[in-house]
C-alpha atoms as a PDB file:
ATOM      1  CA  UNK A   1       7.218  -9.988  -8.378  1.00  0.00           C
ATOM      2  CA  UNK A   2      10.673  -8.493  -7.877  1.00  0.00           C
ATOM      3  CA  UNK A   3      11.126  -7.743  -4.178  1.00  0.00           C
ATOM      4  CA  UNK A   4      13.908  -5.477  -2.915  1.00  0.00           C
ATOM      5  CA  UNK A   5      14.632  -4.395   0.658  1.00  0.00           C
ATOM      6  CA  UNK A   6      15.975  -1.048   1.846  1.00  0.00           C
ATOM      7  CA  UNK A   7      14.834  -0.127   5.350  1.00  0.00           C
ATOM      8  CA  UNK A   8      13.906   3.450   6.194  1.00  0.00           C
ATOM      9  CA  UNK A   9      16.376   3.598   9.074  1.00  0.00           C
ATOM     10  CA  UNK A  10      16.063   7.383   9.493  1.00  0.00           C
ATOM     11  CA  UNK A  11      12.254   7.298   9.682  1.00  0.00           C
ATOM     12  CA  UNK A  12      10.980   7.651  13.259  1.00  0.00           C
ATOM     13  CA  UNK A  13       8.643   4.696  12.738  1.00  0.00           C
ATOM     14  CA  UNK A  14      11.588   2.418  12.020  1.00  0.00           C
ATOM     15  CA  UNK A  15      13.454   3.807  15.026  1.00  0.00           C
ATOM     16  CA  UNK A  16      10.432   3.180  17.296  1.00  0.00           C
ATOM     17  CA  UNK A  17      11.001  -0.537  16.611  1.00  0.00           C
ATOM     18  CA  UNK A  18       7.547  -1.647  17.784  1.00  0.00           C
ATOM     19  CA  UNK A  19       6.590  -5.120  16.642  1.00  0.00           C
ATOM     20  CA  UNK A  20       3.267  -6.624  15.538  1.00  0.00           C
ATOM     21  CA  UNK A  21       2.009  -9.989  14.441  1.00  0.00           C
ATOM     22  CA  UNK A  22      -0.044  -9.050  11.372  1.00  0.00           C
ATOM     23  CA  UNK A  23      -3.649 -10.241  11.422  1.00  0.00           C
ATOM     24  CA  UNK A  24      -4.567  -8.400   8.240  1.00  0.00           C
ATOM     25  CA  UNK A  25      -3.325  -6.496   5.203  1.00  0.00           C
ATOM     26  CA  UNK A  26      -4.180  -2.882   4.357  1.00  0.00           C
ATOM     27  CA  UNK A  27      -3.928  -1.723   0.734  1.00  0.00           C
ATOM     28  CA  UNK A  28      -3.160   1.935  -0.001  1.00  0.00           C
ATOM     29  CA  UNK A  29      -2.398   3.966  -3.107  1.00  0.00           C
ATOM     30  CA  UNK A  30      -0.060   6.932  -3.124  1.00  0.00           C
ATOM     31  CA  UNK A  31      -2.193   9.658  -4.763  1.00  0.00           C
ATOM     32  CA  UNK A  32       1.143  10.974  -6.047  1.00  0.00           C
ATOM     33  CA  UNK A  33       1.240  10.468  -9.822  1.00  0.00           C
ATOM     34  CA  UNK A  34       4.514   9.314 -11.308  1.00  0.00           C
ATOM     35  CA  UNK A  35       6.486   8.683  -8.117  1.00  0.00           C
ATOM     36  CA  UNK A  36       7.547   5.049  -8.337  1.00  0.00           C
ATOM     37  CA  UNK A  37       8.325   2.515  -5.597  1.00  0.00           C
ATOM     38  CA  UNK A  38      12.094   3.005  -5.461  1.00  0.00           C
ATOM     39  CA  UNK A  39      11.701   6.813  -5.286  1.00  0.00           C
ATOM     40  CA  UNK A  40       9.855   6.719  -1.965  1.00  0.00           C
ATOM     41  CA  UNK A  41      13.008   5.779  -0.087  1.00  0.00           C
ATOM     42  CA  UNK A  42      14.490   9.272  -0.467  1.00  0.00           C
ATOM     43  CA  UNK A  43      11.142  10.890   0.324  1.00  0.00           C
ATOM     44  CA  UNK A  44      10.438   8.909   3.504  1.00  0.00           C
ATOM     45  CA  UNK A  45      13.861   8.066   4.937  1.00  0.00           C
ATOM     46  CA  UNK A  46      13.675  11.185   7.086  1.00  0.00           C
ATOM     47  CA  UNK A  47      12.841  12.082  10.652  1.00  0.00           C
ATOM     48  CA  UNK A  48       9.803  14.119  11.672  1.00  0.00           C
ATOM     49  CA  UNK A  49      11.335  14.463  15.139  1.00  0.00           C
ATOM     50  CA  UNK A  50      14.420  16.134  13.643  1.00  0.00           C
ATOM     51  CA  UNK A  51      12.306  18.411  11.420  1.00  0.00           C
ATOM     52  CA  UNK A  52      13.395  16.704   8.186  1.00  0.00           C
ATOM     53  CA  UNK A  53       9.812  16.026   7.069  1.00  0.00           C
ATOM     54  CA  UNK A  54       6.351  17.312   7.928  1.00  0.00           C
ATOM     55  CA  UNK A  55       4.650  13.894   8.165  1.00  0.00           C
ATOM     56  CA  UNK A  56       4.827  10.962  10.550  1.00  0.00           C
ATOM     57  CA  UNK A  57       4.068   8.130   8.122  1.00  0.00           C
ATOM     58  CA  UNK A  58       5.565   4.801   7.136  1.00  0.00           C
ATOM     59  CA  UNK A  59       4.282   1.719   5.299  1.00  0.00           C
ATOM     60  CA  UNK A  60       5.917  -1.653   4.911  1.00  0.00           C
ATOM     61  CA  UNK A  61       6.291  -1.490   1.137  1.00  0.00           C
ATOM     62  CA  UNK A  62       5.640   0.409  -2.084  1.00  0.00           C
ATOM     63  CA  UNK A  63       5.036  -1.280  -5.406  1.00  0.00           C
ATOM     64  CA  UNK A  64       4.768  -0.213  -9.013  1.00  0.00           C
ATOM     65  CA  UNK A  65       4.478  -2.042 -12.330  1.00  0.00           C
ATOM     66  CA  UNK A  66       8.022  -3.392 -12.156  1.00  0.00           C
ATOM     67  CA  UNK A  67       8.986  -4.014  -8.536  1.00  0.00           C
ATOM     68  CA  UNK A  68       8.185  -4.033  -4.839  1.00  0.00           C
ATOM     69  CA  UNK A  69      10.351  -2.173  -2.329  1.00  0.00           C
ATOM     70  CA  UNK A  70      10.163  -3.274   1.307  1.00  0.00           C
ATOM     71  CA  UNK A  71      10.901  -0.325   3.589  1.00  0.00           C
ATOM     72  CA  UNK A  72       9.995  -1.776   7.005  1.00  0.00           C
ATOM     73  CA  UNK A  73      10.450  -5.267   8.413  1.00  0.00           C
ATOM     74  CA  UNK A  74       7.158  -7.110   7.909  1.00  0.00           C
ATOM     75  CA  UNK A  75       6.648  -7.498  11.681  1.00  0.00           C
ATOM     76  CA  UNK A  76       7.257  -3.804  12.359  1.00  0.00           C
ATOM     77  CA  UNK A  77       4.325  -1.602  13.451  1.00  0.00           C
ATOM     78  CA  UNK A  78       3.769   0.802  10.554  1.00  0.00           C
ATOM     79  CA  UNK A  79       2.317   4.306  10.696  1.00  0.00           C
ATOM     80  CA  UNK A  80      -0.066   4.012   7.768  1.00  0.00           C
ATOM     81  CA  UNK A  81      -3.696   3.903   8.819  1.00  0.00           C
ATOM     82  CA  UNK A  82      -4.124   6.689  11.322  1.00  0.00           C
ATOM     83  CA  UNK A  83      -5.723   4.434  13.927  1.00  0.00           C
ATOM     84  CA  UNK A  84      -5.637   1.051  15.655  1.00  0.00           C
ATOM     85  CA  UNK A  85      -5.174  -0.691  12.282  1.00  0.00           C
ATOM     86  CA  UNK A  86      -1.466   0.108  12.663  1.00  0.00           C
ATOM     87  CA  UNK A  87      -1.357  -2.444  15.494  1.00  0.00           C
ATOM     88  CA  UNK A  88      -2.801  -5.267  13.411  1.00  0.00           C
ATOM     89  CA  UNK A  89      -2.213  -4.801   9.669  1.00  0.00           C
ATOM     90  CA  UNK A  90       0.778  -4.979   7.389  1.00  0.00           C
ATOM     91  CA  UNK A  91       0.532  -2.294   4.700  1.00  0.00           C
ATOM     92  CA  UNK A  92       1.663  -1.328   1.246  1.00  0.00           C
ATOM     93  CA  UNK A  93       1.197   1.553  -1.166  1.00  0.00           C
ATOM     94  CA  UNK A  94       0.449   1.081  -4.856  1.00  0.00           C
ATOM     95  CA  UNK A  95       2.226   3.741  -6.907  1.00  0.00           C
ATOM     96  CA  UNK A  96       0.120   5.603  -9.434  1.00  0.00           C
ATOM     97  CA  UNK A  97       1.306   6.356 -12.982  1.00  0.00           C
ATOM     98  CA  UNK A  98       2.163   9.802 -14.308  1.00  0.00           C
ATOM     99  CA  UNK A  99       0.068  11.758 -16.777  1.00  0.00           C
ATOM    100  CA  UNK A 100      -2.621  13.277 -14.557  1.00  0.00           C
ATOM    101  CA  UNK A 101      -3.040  15.448 -11.474  1.00  0.00           C
ATOM    102  CA  UNK A 102      -5.230  15.668  -8.412  1.00  0.00           C
ATOM    103  CA  UNK A 103      -7.694  18.306  -7.374  1.00  0.00           C
ATOM    104  CA  UNK A 104      -8.767  17.265  -3.904  1.00  0.00           C
ATOM    105  CA  UNK A 105      -9.499  13.542  -4.138  1.00  0.00           C
ATOM    106  CA  UNK A 106     -10.300  13.700  -7.860  1.00  0.00           C
ATOM    107  CA  UNK A 107      -7.948  12.220 -10.461  1.00  0.00           C
ATOM    108  CA  UNK A 108      -7.983  14.956 -13.129  1.00  0.00           C
ATOM    109  CA  UNK A 109      -6.919  13.943 -16.625  1.00  0.00           C
ATOM    110  CA  UNK A 110      -6.724  10.250 -15.779  1.00  0.00           C
ATOM    111  CA  UNK A 111      -7.683   8.219 -18.855  1.00  0.00           C
ATOM    112  CA  UNK A 112      -8.156   4.557 -17.861  1.00  0.00           C
ATOM    113  CA  UNK A 113      -7.479   3.213 -21.366  1.00  0.00           C
ATOM    114  CA  UNK A 114      -4.096   4.962 -21.437  1.00  0.00           C
ATOM    115  CA  UNK A 115      -3.148   3.476 -18.054  1.00  0.00           C
ATOM    116  CA  UNK A 116      -4.714   0.014 -18.359  1.00  0.00           C
ATOM    117  CA  UNK A 117      -1.416  -1.810 -18.940  1.00  0.00           C
ATOM    118  CA  UNK A 118       0.202  -0.116 -15.936  1.00  0.00           C
ATOM    119  CA  UNK A 119      -2.863  -0.795 -13.783  1.00  0.00           C
ATOM    120  CA  UNK A 120      -2.912  -4.496 -14.645  1.00  0.00           C
ATOM    121  CA  UNK A 121       0.775  -4.838 -13.782  1.00  0.00           C
ATOM    122  CA  UNK A 122       0.401  -3.147 -10.382  1.00  0.00           C
ATOM    123  CA  UNK A 123      -2.751  -5.183  -9.795  1.00  0.00           C
ATOM    124  CA  UNK A 124      -0.788  -8.404 -10.387  1.00  0.00           C
ATOM    125  CA  UNK A 125       2.101  -7.253  -8.183  1.00  0.00           C
ATOM    126  CA  UNK A 126      -0.405  -6.353  -5.454  1.00  0.00           C
ATOM    127  CA  UNK A 127      -2.092  -9.745  -5.688  1.00  0.00           C
ATOM    128  CA  UNK A 128       1.298 -11.500  -5.516  1.00  0.00           C
ATOM    129  CA  UNK A 129       2.369  -9.441  -2.512  1.00  0.00           C
ATOM    130  CA  UNK A 130      -0.889 -10.236  -0.701  1.00  0.00           C
ATOM    131  CA  UNK A 131      -0.459 -13.949  -1.468  1.00  0.00           C
ATOM    132  CA  UNK A 132       3.057 -13.728  -0.029  1.00  0.00           C
ATOM    133  CA  UNK A 133       1.718 -12.062   3.155  1.00  0.00           C
ATOM    134  CA  UNK A 134      -1.136 -14.565   3.448  1.00  0.00           C
ATOM    135  CA  UNK A 135       1.272 -17.484   3.288  1.00  0.00           C
ATOM    136  CA  UNK A 136       3.749 -15.822   5.661  1.00  0.00           C
ATOM    137  CA  UNK A 137       1.150 -15.006   8.339  1.00  0.00           C
ATOM    138  CA  UNK A 138      -1.573 -17.615   7.790  1.00  0.00           C
ATOM    139  CA  UNK A 139      -4.040 -15.082   6.395  1.00  0.00           C
ATOM    140  CA  UNK A 140      -6.696 -15.344   3.688  1.00  0.00           C
ATOM    141  CA  UNK A 141      -8.162 -12.925   1.182  1.00  0.00           C
ATOM    142  CA  UNK A 142     -10.832 -12.124   3.806  1.00  0.00           C
ATOM    143  CA  UNK A 143      -8.118 -10.450   5.892  1.00  0.00           C
ATOM    144  CA  UNK A 144      -7.391  -7.802   3.226  1.00  0.00           C
ATOM    145  CA  UNK A 145      -8.896  -4.314   3.432  1.00  0.00           C
ATOM    146  CA  UNK A 146      -8.283  -0.969   1.847  1.00  0.00           C
ATOM    147  CA  UNK A 147      -7.817   2.283   3.732  1.00  0.00           C
ATOM    148  CA  UNK A 148     -11.404   3.428   3.136  1.00  0.00           C
ATOM    149  CA  UNK A 149     -12.750   0.108   4.438  1.00  0.00           C
ATOM    150  CA  UNK A 150     -10.602   0.577   7.538  1.00  0.00           C
ATOM    151  CA  UNK A 151     -12.291   3.944   8.035  1.00  0.00           C
ATOM    152  CA  UNK A 152     -15.736   2.359   7.684  1.00  0.00           C
ATOM    153  CA  UNK A 153     -14.668  -0.167  10.360  1.00  0.00           C
ATOM    154  CA  UNK A 154     -13.557   2.718  12.657  1.00  0.00           C
ATOM    155  CA  UNK A 155      -9.963   1.457  12.739  1.00  0.00           C
ATOM    156  CA  UNK A 156      -8.356   3.945  10.303  1.00  0.00           C
ATOM    157  CA  UNK A 157      -8.460   7.588   9.300  1.00  0.00           C
ATOM    158  CA  UNK A 158     -10.716   8.853   6.506  1.00  0.00           C
ATOM    159  CA  UNK A 159      -9.049   8.196   3.141  1.00  0.00           C
ATOM    160  CA  UNK A 160     -10.440   7.151  -0.247  1.00  0.00           C
ATOM    161  CA  UNK A 161      -7.674   4.817  -1.334  1.00  0.00           C
ATOM    162  CA  UNK A 162      -7.959   2.670  -3.329  1.00  0.00           C
ATOM    163  CA  UNK A 163     -11.597   3.128  -4.283  1.00  0.00           C
ATOM    164  CA  UNK A 164     -10.952   6.404  -6.107  1.00  0.00           C
ATOM    165  CA  UNK A 165      -8.873   4.375  -8.601  1.00  0.00           C
ATOM    166  CA  UNK A 166      -9.859   0.687  -8.867  1.00  0.00           C
ATOM    167  CA  UNK A 167     -13.389   1.331 -10.251  1.00  0.00           C
ATOM    168  CA  UNK A 168     -11.900   3.297 -13.165  1.00  0.00           C
ATOM    169  CA  UNK A 169     -10.600  -0.094 -14.347  1.00  0.00           C
ATOM    170  CA  UNK A 170     -13.738  -2.057 -13.510  1.00  0.00           C
ATOM    171  CA  UNK A 171     -12.287  -3.382 -10.250  1.00  0.00           C
ATOM    172  CA  UNK A 172     -13.129  -3.180  -6.558  1.00  0.00           C
ATOM    173  CA  UNK A 173     -11.707  -4.525  -3.325  1.00  0.00           C
ATOM    174  CA  UNK A 174     -14.126  -7.428  -3.676  1.00  0.00           C
ATOM    175  CA  UNK A 175     -12.679  -8.359  -7.081  1.00  0.00           C
ATOM    176  CA  UNK A 176      -9.188  -7.871  -5.657  1.00  0.00           C
ATOM    177  CA  UNK A 177      -9.917 -10.278  -2.809  1.00  0.00           C
ATOM    178  CA  UNK A 178     -11.313 -12.785  -5.333  1.00  0.00           C
ATOM    179  CA  UNK A 179      -8.073 -12.529  -7.346  1.00  0.00           C
ATOM    180  CA  UNK A 180      -5.993 -13.120  -4.201  1.00  0.00           C
ATOM    181  CA  UNK A 181      -8.226 -16.070  -3.216  1.00  0.00           C
ATOM    182  CA  UNK A 182      -7.789 -17.662  -6.649  1.00  0.00           C
ATOM    183  CA  UNK A 183      -4.031 -17.163  -6.529  1.00  0.00           C
ATOM    184  CA  UNK A 184      -3.889 -18.741  -3.077  1.00  0.00           C
ATOM    185  CA  UNK A 185      -5.565 -21.896  -4.387  1.00  0.00           C
ATOM    186  CA  UNK A 186      -3.223 -22.133  -7.384  1.00  0.00           C
ATOM    187  CA  UNK A 187       0.047 -21.581  -5.562  1.00  0.00           C
END
């Protein structure tokens, strides 16, 4: 996992400078085909308060098949879950490959076999990042949720990620947690 840091110093979330001690990890996916981890800096290093963007959002990191970009300090309170989960969970977005579009929440034109290699690489980077967080904050794979699970727990807003995507590759959050658990015992 190649980890780079470039803080979103113009984002209002960064400027708020509220701290947390993470007790969990929330996994997101971007639902923005083809925009890779490094590209999100220019999209999100803006201020809602100053009218430079129309969204008040910020996650700790974005990752793709090649690298992870940290955009907030790990102990910073992110604006990612739309609820109390922001006070407790560190968060990251998995970038989705190009070659398809969205209509509503539906991935239109997404062919899993054409994106399997990319998916496996982001899966591995995601597992490695979660292992890193678990070791840093004394967490386990049981402390990892996705955005839609956060909604079911009444601690996050209603989003599908990542369950609109993982099953297309025969995976789920349960299999993801198993992969993180195995990696934690090896490392």
